[in-house]
PDB file of N, CA and C in Angstrom:
ATOM      1  N   MET A   1     134.687  85.397 127.847  1.00  0.00           N
ATOM      2  CA  MET A   1     133.550  84.538 127.612  1.00  0.00           C
ATOM      3  C   MET A   1     132.664  85.058 126.440  1.00  0.00           C
ATOM      4  N   ALA A   2     132.591  86.418 126.514  1.00  0.00           N
ATOM      5  CA  ALA A   2     131.681  86.942 125.308  1.00  0.00           C
ATOM      6  C   ALA A   2     132.422  86.770 123.966  1.00  0.00           C
ATOM      7  N   LEU A   3     133.817  86.810 123.966  1.00  0.00           N
ATOM      8  CA  LEU A   3     134.479  86.742 122.664  1.00  0.00           C
ATOM      9  C   LEU A   3     134.041  85.379 122.301  1.00  0.00           C
ATOM     10  N   MET A   4     134.012  84.304 123.058  1.00  0.00           N
ATOM     11  CA  MET A   4     133.759  82.706 122.741  1.00  0.00           C
ATOM     12  C   MET A   4     132.298  82.919 122.084  1.00  0.00           C
ATOM     13  N   LYS A   5     131.605  83.418 122.779  1.00  0.00           N
ATOM     14  CA  LYS A   5     129.984  83.418 122.332  1.00  0.00           C
ATOM     15  C   LYS A   5     129.951  84.243 121.078  1.00  0.00           C
ATOM     16  N   ALA A   6     130.670  85.266 120.707  1.00  0.00           N
ATOM     17  CA  ALA A   6     130.615  85.901 119.513  1.00  0.00           C
ATOM     18  C   ALA A   6     131.242  85.250 118.302  1.00  0.00           C
ATOM     19  N   GLN A   7     132.253  84.344 118.705  1.00  0.00           N
ATOM     20  CA  GLN A   7     132.662  83.423 117.711  1.00  0.00           C
ATOM     21  C   GLN A   7     131.936  82.435 117.233  1.00  0.00           C
ATOM     22  N   GLY A   8     131.116  81.850 118.144  1.00  0.00           N
ATOM     23  CA  GLY A   8     130.200  80.768 118.199  1.00  0.00           C
ATOM     24  C   GLY A   8     128.919  81.058 117.295  1.00  0.00           C
ATOM     25  N   TYR A   9     128.623  82.481 117.331  1.00  0.00           N
ATOM     26  CA  TYR A   9     127.597  82.800 116.897  1.00  0.00           C
ATOM     27  C   TYR A   9     127.743  82.923 115.263  1.00  0.00           C
ATOM     28  N   PHE A  10     129.067  83.169 114.711  1.00  0.00           N
ATOM     29  CA  PHE A  10     129.403  83.218 113.285  1.00  0.00           C
ATOM     30  C   PHE A  10     129.735  81.845 112.629  1.00  0.00           C
ATOM     31  N   ALA A  11     130.073  80.987 113.741  1.00  0.00           N
ATOM     32  CA  ALA A  11     130.332  79.447 113.477  1.00  0.00           C
ATOM     33  C   ALA A  11     129.163  78.691 112.966  1.00  0.00           C
ATOM     34  N   MET A  12     128.154  79.011 113.666  1.00  0.00           N
ATOM     35  CA  MET A  12     126.729  78.391 113.470  1.00  0.00           C
ATOM     36  C   MET A  12     125.889  78.887 112.273  1.00  0.00           C
ATOM     37  N   ASP A  13     126.545  79.724 111.582  1.00  0.00           N
ATOM     38  CA  ASP A  13     125.746  80.433 110.612  1.00  0.00           C
ATOM     39  C   ASP A  13     125.529  79.615 109.248  1.00  0.00           C
ATOM     40  N   LEU A  14     124.295  79.402 108.666  1.00  0.00           N
ATOM     41  CA  LEU A  14     123.954  78.635 107.543  1.00  0.00           C
ATOM     42  C   LEU A  14     124.535  79.375 106.344  1.00  0.00           C
ATOM     43  N   PRO A  15     125.011  78.458 105.329  1.00  0.00           N
ATOM     44  CA  PRO A  15     125.216  78.944 104.120  1.00  0.00           C
ATOM     45  C   PRO A  15     124.526  79.665 102.990  1.00  0.00           C
ATOM     46  N   ILE A  16     123.368  80.091 103.756  1.00  0.00           N
ATOM     47  CA  ILE A  16     122.385  80.787 102.890  1.00  0.00           C
ATOM     48  C   ILE A  16     122.347  82.334 103.198  1.00  0.00           C
ATOM     49  N   SER A  17     121.667  83.102 102.268  1.00  0.00           N
ATOM     50  CA  SER A  17     121.873  84.558 102.581  1.00  0.00           C
ATOM     51  C   SER A  17     120.783  84.865 103.469  1.00  0.00           C
ATOM     52  N   GLU A  18     120.553  86.032 104.135  1.00  0.00           N
ATOM     53  CA  GLU A  18     119.591  86.557 104.974  1.00  0.00           C
ATOM     54  C   GLU A  18     118.297  86.768 104.181  1.00  0.00           C
ATOM     55  N   GLY A  19     118.489  87.246 103.142  1.00  0.00           N
ATOM     56  CA  GLY A  19     117.185  87.279 102.104  1.00  0.00           C
ATOM     57  C   GLY A  19     116.358  85.888 102.145  1.00  0.00           C
ATOM     58  N   LEU A  20     117.251  84.868 101.793  1.00  0.00           N
ATOM     59  CA  LEU A  20     116.650  83.596 101.427  1.00  0.00           C
ATOM     60  C   LEU A  20     116.140  83.160 102.916  1.00  0.00           C
ATOM     61  N   LYS A  21     116.762  83.355 104.075  1.00  0.00           N
ATOM     62  CA  LYS A  21     116.210  82.801 105.303  1.00  0.00           C
ATOM     63  C   LYS A  21     114.884  83.666 105.650  1.00  0.00           C
ATOM     64  N   ILE A  22     114.649  84.839 105.287  1.00  0.00           N
ATOM     65  CA  ILE A  22     113.562  85.552 105.469  1.00  0.00           C
ATOM     66  C   ILE A  22     112.339  85.127 104.542  1.00  0.00           C
ATOM     67  N   GLY A  23     112.893  84.780 103.396  1.00  0.00           N
ATOM     68  CA  GLY A  23     111.990  84.441 102.359  1.00  0.00           C
ATOM     69  C   GLY A  23     111.430  82.956 102.640  1.00  0.00           C
ATOM     70  N   LEU A  24     112.388  82.001 103.120  1.00  0.00           N
ATOM     71  CA  LEU A  24     111.895  80.676 103.682  1.00  0.00           C
ATOM     72  C   LEU A  24     110.906  80.872 104.872  1.00  0.00           C
ATOM     73  N   SER A  25     111.053  81.711 105.745  1.00  0.00           N
ATOM     74  CA  SER A  25     110.317  81.838 106.984  1.00  0.00           C
ATOM     75  C   SER A  25     109.072  82.495 106.667  1.00  0.00           C
ATOM     76  N   VAL A  26     109.049  83.462 105.611  1.00  0.00           N
ATOM     77  CA  VAL A  26     107.572  83.872 105.355  1.00  0.00           C
ATOM     78  C   VAL A  26     106.830  82.820 104.564  1.00  0.00           C
ATOM     79  N   PHE A  27     107.482  81.926 103.938  1.00  0.00           N
ATOM     80  CA  PHE A  27     106.900  80.960 103.046  1.00  0.00           C
ATOM     81  C   PHE A  27     106.244  79.866 104.121  1.00  0.00           C
ATOM     82  N   LEU A  28     107.209  79.449 105.004  1.00  0.00           N
ATOM     83  CA  LEU A  28     106.647  78.647 105.997  1.00  0.00           C
ATOM     84  C   LEU A  28     105.503  79.026 106.696  1.00  0.00           C
ATOM     85  N   VAL A  29     105.671  80.240 107.205  1.00  0.00           N
ATOM     86  CA  VAL A  29     104.469  80.791 108.085  1.00  0.00           C
ATOM     87  C   VAL A  29     103.272  80.866 107.082  1.00  0.00           C
ATOM     88  N   SER A  30     103.232  81.201 105.951  1.00  0.00           N
ATOM     89  CA  SER A  30     101.959  81.416 105.121  1.00  0.00           C
ATOM     90  C   SER A  30     101.517  79.922 104.928  1.00  0.00           C
ATOM     91  N   PHE A  31     102.319  79.017 104.749  1.00  0.00           N
ATOM     92  CA  PHE A  31     101.874  77.629 104.509  1.00  0.00           C
ATOM     93  C   PHE A  31     101.191  77.016 105.626  1.00  0.00           C
ATOM     94  N   VAL A  32     101.707  77.276 106.747  1.00  0.00           N
ATOM     95  CA  VAL A  32     101.201  76.709 108.177  1.00  0.00           C
ATOM     96  C   VAL A  32      99.838  77.636 108.450  1.00  0.00           C
ATOM     97  N   SER A  33      99.624  78.813 108.128  1.00  0.00           N
ATOM     98  CA  SER A  33      98.646  79.550 108.446  1.00  0.00           C
ATOM     99  C   SER A  33      97.492  79.253 107.341  1.00  0.00           C
ATOM    100  N   MET A  34      97.801  78.709 106.057  1.00  0.00           N
ATOM    101  CA  MET A  34      96.921  78.226 105.203  1.00  0.00           C
ATOM    102  C   MET A  34      96.272  76.812 105.657  1.00  0.00           C
ATOM    103  N   ALA A  35      97.057  76.141 106.206  1.00  0.00           N
ATOM    104  CA  ALA A  35      96.777  74.787 106.672  1.00  0.00           C
ATOM    105  C   ALA A  35      95.713  74.965 107.989  1.00  0.00           C
ATOM    106  N   LEU A  36      96.266  75.963 108.691  1.00  0.00           N
ATOM    107  CA  LEU A  36      95.332  76.273 109.843  1.00  0.00           C
ATOM    108  C   LEU A  36      93.882  76.949 109.360  1.00  0.00           C
ATOM    109  N   ALA A  37      93.918  77.686 108.455  1.00  0.00           N
ATOM    110  CA  ALA A  37      92.647  78.482 107.829  1.00  0.00           C
ATOM    111  C   ALA A  37      91.815  77.275 107.362  1.00  0.00           C
ATOM    112  N   THR A  38      92.412  76.244 106.636  1.00  0.00           N
ATOM    113  CA  THR A  38      91.543  75.429 106.141  1.00  0.00           C
ATOM    114  C   THR A  38      90.629  74.399 107.039  1.00  0.00           C
ATOM    115  N   ARG A  39      91.537  74.216 108.309  1.00  0.00           N
ATOM    116  CA  ARG A  39      90.958  73.381 109.346  1.00  0.00           C
ATOM    117  C   ARG A  39      90.217  74.174 110.360  1.00  0.00           C
ATOM    118  N   PHE A  40      90.356  75.550 110.755  1.00  0.00           N
ATOM    119  CA  PHE A  40      89.731  76.067 111.794  1.00  0.00           C
ATOM    120  C   PHE A  40      89.082  77.380 111.443  1.00  0.00           C
ATOM    121  N   GLY A  41      89.381  77.811 110.067  1.00  0.00           N
ATOM    122  CA  GLY A  41      88.333  79.017 109.401  1.00  0.00           C
ATOM    123  C   GLY A  41      89.466  80.188 109.236  1.00  0.00           C
ATOM    124  N   LEU A  42      88.855  81.033 108.437  1.00  0.00           N
ATOM    125  CA  LEU A  42      90.039  82.137 107.766  1.00  0.00           C
ATOM    126  C   LEU A  42      90.395  82.900 109.152  1.00  0.00           C
ATOM    127  N   GLY A  43      89.467  83.221 110.056  1.00  0.00           N
ATOM    128  CA  GLY A  43      89.838  84.140 111.019  1.00  0.00           C
ATOM    129  C   GLY A  43      91.027  83.673 111.735  1.00  0.00           C
ATOM    130  N   ILE A  44      91.129  82.497 112.182  1.00  0.00           N
ATOM    131  CA  ILE A  44      92.263  81.764 112.901  1.00  0.00           C
ATOM    132  C   ILE A  44      93.526  81.790 112.044  1.00  0.00           C
ATOM    133  N   GLY A  45      93.512  81.273 110.856  1.00  0.00           N
ATOM    134  CA  GLY A  45      94.621  81.313 109.899  1.00  0.00           C
ATOM    135  C   GLY A  45      95.166  82.835 109.848  1.00  0.00           C
ATOM    136  N   ALA A  46      94.176  83.732 109.566  1.00  0.00           N
ATOM    137  CA  ALA A  46      94.627  85.231 109.355  1.00  0.00           C
ATOM    138  C   ALA A  46      95.409  85.532 110.576  1.00  0.00           C
ATOM    139  N   GLY A  47      94.818  85.436 111.551  1.00  0.00           N
ATOM    140  CA  GLY A  47      95.498  85.860 113.041  1.00  0.00           C
ATOM    141  C   GLY A  47      96.755  85.274 113.157  1.00  0.00           C
ATOM    142  N   VAL A  48      96.928  83.852 113.051  1.00  0.00           N
ATOM    143  CA  VAL A  48      98.157  83.229 113.171  1.00  0.00           C
ATOM    144  C   VAL A  48      99.149  83.878 112.211  1.00  0.00           C
ATOM    145  N   TRP A  49      98.810  83.878 110.857  1.00  0.00           N
ATOM    146  CA  TRP A  49      99.603  84.621 109.878  1.00  0.00           C
ATOM    147  C   TRP A  49     100.179  85.964 110.292  1.00  0.00           C
ATOM    148  N   GLY A  50      99.353  86.782 110.726  1.00  0.00           N
ATOM    149  CA  GLY A  50      99.714  88.231 111.063  1.00  0.00           C
ATOM    150  C   GLY A  50     100.735  88.341 112.105  1.00  0.00           C
ATOM    151  N   GLY A  51     100.383  87.253 113.139  1.00  0.00           N
ATOM    152  CA  GLY A  51     101.164  87.372 114.424  1.00  0.00           C
ATOM    153  C   GLY A  51     102.733  86.568 114.279  1.00  0.00           C
ATOM    154  N   ALA A  52     102.690  85.453 113.407  1.00  0.00           N
ATOM    155  CA  ALA A  52     103.786  84.935 112.833  1.00  0.00           C
ATOM    156  C   ALA A  52     104.736  85.863 112.170  1.00  0.00           C
ATOM    157  N   LEU A  53     104.152  86.595 111.087  1.00  0.00           N
ATOM    158  CA  LEU A  53     104.907  87.536 110.240  1.00  0.00           C
ATOM    159  C   LEU A  53     105.515  88.557 111.289  1.00  0.00           C
ATOM    160  N   ALA A  54     104.795  88.874 112.221  1.00  0.00           N
ATOM    161  CA  ALA A  54     105.440  90.100 113.196  1.00  0.00           C
ATOM    162  C   ALA A  54     106.616  89.397 113.772  1.00  0.00           C
ATOM    163  N   LEU A  55     106.210  88.162 114.228  1.00  0.00           N
ATOM    164  CA  LEU A  55     107.533  87.463 114.990  1.00  0.00           C
ATOM    165  C   LEU A  55     108.777  87.585 114.084  1.00  0.00           C
ATOM    166  N   VAL A  56     108.453  87.110 112.628  1.00  0.00           N
ATOM    167  CA  VAL A  56     109.648  87.005 111.806  1.00  0.00           C
ATOM    168  C   VAL A  56     110.220  88.495 111.759  1.00  0.00           C
ATOM    169  N   ALA A  57     109.471  89.557 111.629  1.00  0.00           N
ATOM    170  CA  ALA A  57     110.259  90.835 111.511  1.00  0.00           C
ATOM    171  C   ALA A  57     111.023  91.059 112.685  1.00  0.00           C
ATOM    172  N   VAL A  58     110.351  90.773 114.066  1.00  0.00           N
ATOM    173  CA  VAL A  58     111.097  91.054 115.295  1.00  0.00           C
ATOM    174  C   VAL A  58     112.433  90.219 115.308  1.00  0.00           C
ATOM    175  N   GLY A  59     112.280  89.046 114.929  1.00  0.00           N
ATOM    176  CA  GLY A  59     113.710  88.134 114.635  1.00  0.00           C
ATOM    177  C   GLY A  59     114.665  88.789 113.859  1.00  0.00           C
ATOM    178  N   VAL A  60     114.253  89.091 112.872  1.00  0.00           N
ATOM    179  CA  VAL A  60     115.206  89.743 111.720  1.00  0.00           C
ATOM    180  C   VAL A  60     116.009  91.109 112.442  1.00  0.00           C
ATOM    181  N   PHE A  61     115.023  91.856 113.279  1.00  0.00           N
ATOM    182  CA  PHE A  61     115.700  93.090 113.810  1.00  0.00           C
ATOM    183  C   PHE A  61     116.658  92.477 114.671  1.00  0.00           C
ATOM    184  N   PHE A  62     116.448  91.755 115.654  1.00  0.00           N
ATOM    185  CA  PHE A  62     117.426  91.301 116.843  1.00  0.00           C
ATOM    186  C   PHE A  62     118.527  90.438 116.103  1.00  0.00           C
ATOM    187  N   ASN A  63     118.251  89.669 115.092  1.00  0.00           N
ATOM    188  CA  ASN A  63     119.455  88.929 114.387  1.00  0.00           C
ATOM    189  C   ASN A  63     120.412  89.989 113.942  1.00  0.00           C
ATOM    190  N   ARG A  64     119.795  91.048 113.256  1.00  0.00           N
ATOM    191  CA  ARG A  64     120.745  92.002 112.729  1.00  0.00           C
ATOM    192  C   ARG A  64     121.624  92.627 113.756  1.00  0.00           C
ATOM    193  N   ARG A  65     120.733  93.096 114.922  1.00  0.00           N
ATOM    194  CA  ARG A  65     121.334  93.930 115.962  1.00  0.00           C
ATOM    195  C   ARG A  65     122.685  92.942 116.698  1.00  0.00           C
ATOM    196  N   SER A  66     122.140  91.588 116.905  1.00  0.00           N
ATOM    197  CA  SER A  66     123.174  90.620 117.257  1.00  0.00           C
ATOM    198  C   SER A  66     124.348  90.658 116.447  1.00  0.00           C
ATOM    199  N   ARG A  67     124.274  90.372 115.268  1.00  0.00           N
ATOM    200  CA  ARG A  67     125.242  90.181 114.436  1.00  0.00           C
ATOM    201  C   ARG A  67     126.180  91.449 114.390  1.00  0.00           C
ATOM    202  N   ALA A  68     125.588  92.784 114.519  1.00  0.00           N
ATOM    203  CA  ALA A  68     126.567  93.924 114.457  1.00  0.00           C
ATOM    204  C   ALA A  68     127.272  93.995 115.791  1.00  0.00           C
ATOM    205  N   ARG A  69     126.722  93.560 116.820  1.00  0.00           N
ATOM    206  CA  ARG A  69     127.430  93.770 118.165  1.00  0.00           C
ATOM    207  C   ARG A  69     128.478  92.735 118.076  1.00  0.00           C
ATOM    208  N   ASN A  70     128.062  91.307 117.744  1.00  0.00           N
ATOM    209  CA  ASN A  70     129.312  90.621 117.766  1.00  0.00           C
ATOM    210  C   ASN A  70     130.336  90.878 116.690  1.00  0.00           C
ATOM    211  N   SER A  71     130.090  91.343 115.503  1.00  0.00           N
ATOM    212  CA  SER A  71     131.112  91.750 114.688  1.00  0.00           C
ATOM    213  C   SER A  71     132.027  92.859 115.276  1.00  0.00           C
ATOM    214  N   ALA A  72     131.330  93.740 115.895  1.00  0.00           N
ATOM    215  CA  ALA A  72     132.230  94.776 116.540  1.00  0.00           C
ATOM    216  C   ALA A  72     133.203  94.456 117.613  1.00  0.00           C
ATOM    217  N   LEU A  73     132.592  93.434 118.389  1.00  0.00           N
ATOM    218  CA  LEU A  73     133.099  92.645 119.488  1.00  0.00           C
ATOM    219  C   LEU A  73     134.519  92.112 118.929  1.00  0.00           C
ATOM    220  N   LEU A  74     134.423  91.162 117.884  1.00  0.00           N
ATOM    221  CA  LEU A  74     135.423  90.469 117.274  1.00  0.00           C
ATOM    222  C   LEU A  74     136.489  91.328 116.575  1.00  0.00           C
ATOM    223  N   GLU A  75     136.129  92.279 116.107  1.00  0.00           N
ATOM    224  CA  GLU A  75     136.948  93.352 115.211  1.00  0.00           C
ATOM    225  C   GLU A  75     137.709  94.136 116.197  1.00  0.00           C
ATOM    226  N   ALA A  76     136.991  94.508 117.446  1.00  0.00           N
ATOM    227  CA  ALA A  76     137.703  95.163 118.532  1.00  0.00           C
ATOM    228  C   ALA A  76     139.042  94.353 119.086  1.00  0.00           C
ATOM    229  N   ALA A  77     138.678  93.009 119.030  1.00  0.00           N
ATOM    230  CA  ALA A  77     139.595  92.158 119.594  1.00  0.00           C
ATOM    231  C   ALA A  77     140.696  91.637 118.694  1.00  0.00           C
ATOM    232  N   GLY A  78     140.700  92.221 117.534  1.00  0.00           N
ATOM    233  CA  GLY A  78     141.876  92.001 116.389  1.00  0.00           C
ATOM    234  C   GLY A  78     141.280  90.801 115.370  1.00  0.00           C
ATOM    235  N   PHE A  79     140.239  90.164 115.539  1.00  0.00           N
ATOM    236  CA  PHE A  79     139.925  89.283 114.674  1.00  0.00           C
ATOM    237  C   PHE A  79     139.693  90.022 113.166  1.00  0.00           C
ATOM    238  N   THR A  80     140.006  89.260 112.323  1.00  0.00           N
ATOM    239  CA  THR A  80     139.885  89.688 110.657  1.00  0.00           C
ATOM    240  C   THR A  80     138.680  89.031 110.110  1.00  0.00           C
ATOM    241  N   LEU A  81     137.805  89.726 109.321  1.00  0.00           N
ATOM    242  CA  LEU A  81     136.807  89.261 108.685  1.00  0.00           C
ATOM    243  C   LEU A  81     137.271  88.425 107.400  1.00  0.00           C
ATOM    244  N   THR A  82     136.975  87.226 107.201  1.00  0.00           N
ATOM    245  CA  THR A  82     137.195  86.570 105.818  1.00  0.00           C
ATOM    246  C   THR A  82     135.706  85.808 105.400  1.00  0.00           C
ATOM    247  N   THR A  83     135.859  85.465 104.364  1.00  0.00           N
ATOM    248  CA  THR A  83     134.705  84.583 103.821  1.00  0.00           C
ATOM    249  C   THR A  83     135.138  83.213 103.259  1.00  0.00           C
ATOM    250  N   ASP A  84     134.646  82.145 103.795  1.00  0.00           N
ATOM    251  CA  ASP A  84     134.769  80.847 103.552  1.00  0.00           C
ATOM    252  C   ASP A  84     134.465  80.454 102.038  1.00  0.00           C
ATOM    253  N   PRO A  85     134.822  79.277 101.510  1.00  0.00           N
ATOM    254  CA  PRO A  85     134.344  78.982 100.240  1.00  0.00           C
ATOM    255  C   PRO A  85     133.059  78.766 100.028  1.00  0.00           C
ATOM    256  N   MET A  86     132.280  78.580 100.919  1.00  0.00           N
ATOM    257  CA  MET A  86     130.969  78.508 100.957  1.00  0.00           C
ATOM    258  C   MET A  86     130.183  79.830 100.850  1.00  0.00           C
ATOM    259  N   GLY A  87     130.858  80.941 101.095  1.00  0.00           N
ATOM    260  CA  GLY A  87     130.497  82.477 101.208  1.00  0.00           C
ATOM    261  C   GLY A  87     129.841  82.889 102.601  1.00  0.00           C
ATOM    262  N   ARG A  88     130.121  81.957 103.509  1.00  0.00           N
ATOM    263  CA  ARG A  88     129.883  82.407 104.863  1.00  0.00           C
ATOM    264  C   ARG A  88     131.014  83.213 105.381  1.00  0.00           C
ATOM    265  N   ARG A  89     130.368  84.274 106.361  1.00  0.00           N
ATOM    266  CA  ARG A  89     131.295  85.081 107.069  1.00  0.00           C
ATOM    267  C   ARG A  89     132.114  84.441 108.240  1.00  0.00           C
ATOM    268  N   ARG A  90     133.452  84.521 108.251  1.00  0.00           N
ATOM    269  CA  ARG A  90     134.169  84.012 109.417  1.00  0.00           C
ATOM    270  C   ARG A  90     135.180  84.930 109.951  1.00  0.00           C
ATOM    271  N   TYR A  91     135.419  84.930 111.203  1.00  0.00           N
ATOM    272  CA  TYR A  91     136.495  85.757 111.673  1.00  0.00           C
ATOM    273  C   TYR A  91     137.789  84.964 112.164  1.00  0.00           C
ATOM    274  N   LEU A  92     138.916  85.426 111.668  1.00  0.00           N
ATOM    275  CA  LEU A  92     140.029  84.738 112.078  1.00  0.00           C
ATOM    276  C   LEU A  92     140.815  85.302 113.230  1.00  0.00           C
ATOM    277  N   PRO A  93     141.344  84.680 114.132  1.00  0.00           N
ATOM    278  CA  PRO A  93     142.045  85.108 115.247  1.00  0.00           C
ATOM    279  C   PRO A  93     143.230  85.912 114.892  1.00  0.00           C
ATOM    280  N   PRO A  94     143.616  86.880 115.613  1.00  0.00           N
ATOM    281  CA  PRO A  94     144.820  87.723 115.224  1.00  0.00           C
ATOM    282  C   PRO A  94     146.143  86.969 114.741  1.00  0.00           C
ATOM    283  N   ALA A  95     146.189  85.799 115.293  1.00  0.00           N
ATOM    284  CA  ALA A  95     147.310  84.989 114.886  1.00  0.00           C
ATOM    285  C   ALA A  95     147.425  84.650 113.550  1.00  0.00           C
ATOM    286  N   GLY A  96     146.232  84.401 112.687  1.00  0.00           N
ATOM    287  CA  GLY A  96     145.978  83.922 111.458  1.00  0.00           C
ATOM    288  C   GLY A  96     145.292  82.655 111.248  1.00  0.00           C
ATOM    289  N   PRO A  97     145.185  82.026 110.184  1.00  0.00           N
ATOM    290  CA  PRO A  97     144.697  80.736 110.117  1.00  0.00           C
ATOM    291  C   PRO A  97     145.145  79.665 110.961  1.00  0.00           C
ATOM    292  N   PRO A  98     144.569  78.703 111.414  1.00  0.00           N
ATOM    293  CA  PRO A  98     145.090  77.510 112.188  1.00  0.00           C
ATOM    294  C   PRO A  98     145.833  76.693 111.160  1.00  0.00           C
ATOM    295  N   ASP A  99     146.889  76.207 111.562  1.00  0.00           N
ATOM    296  CA  ASP A  99     147.847  75.144 110.818  1.00  0.00           C
ATOM    297  C   ASP A  99     147.222  73.624 110.842  1.00  0.00           C
TER     298      ASP A  99
END
């Protein structure tokens, strides 16, 4: 069951880099915080901005840890790391690519 969950983790990955994901997250958090600051005041906007950026940092940490754990699990099971044409990381089963 854990092996299928690890495979699904890589199957759902977006075709963008981790740096771009972080950049988009920071932009979205900043945009929403500015909107809240104009509506409710600078203190509320700054508080939401700081809290949301802290959540982005925690999310990046747990995402990296989960990716490393799932990679180790798949490699221990004999899966091989490949890159698809869009640049995403994929793990092929020990038997090779499906026909």
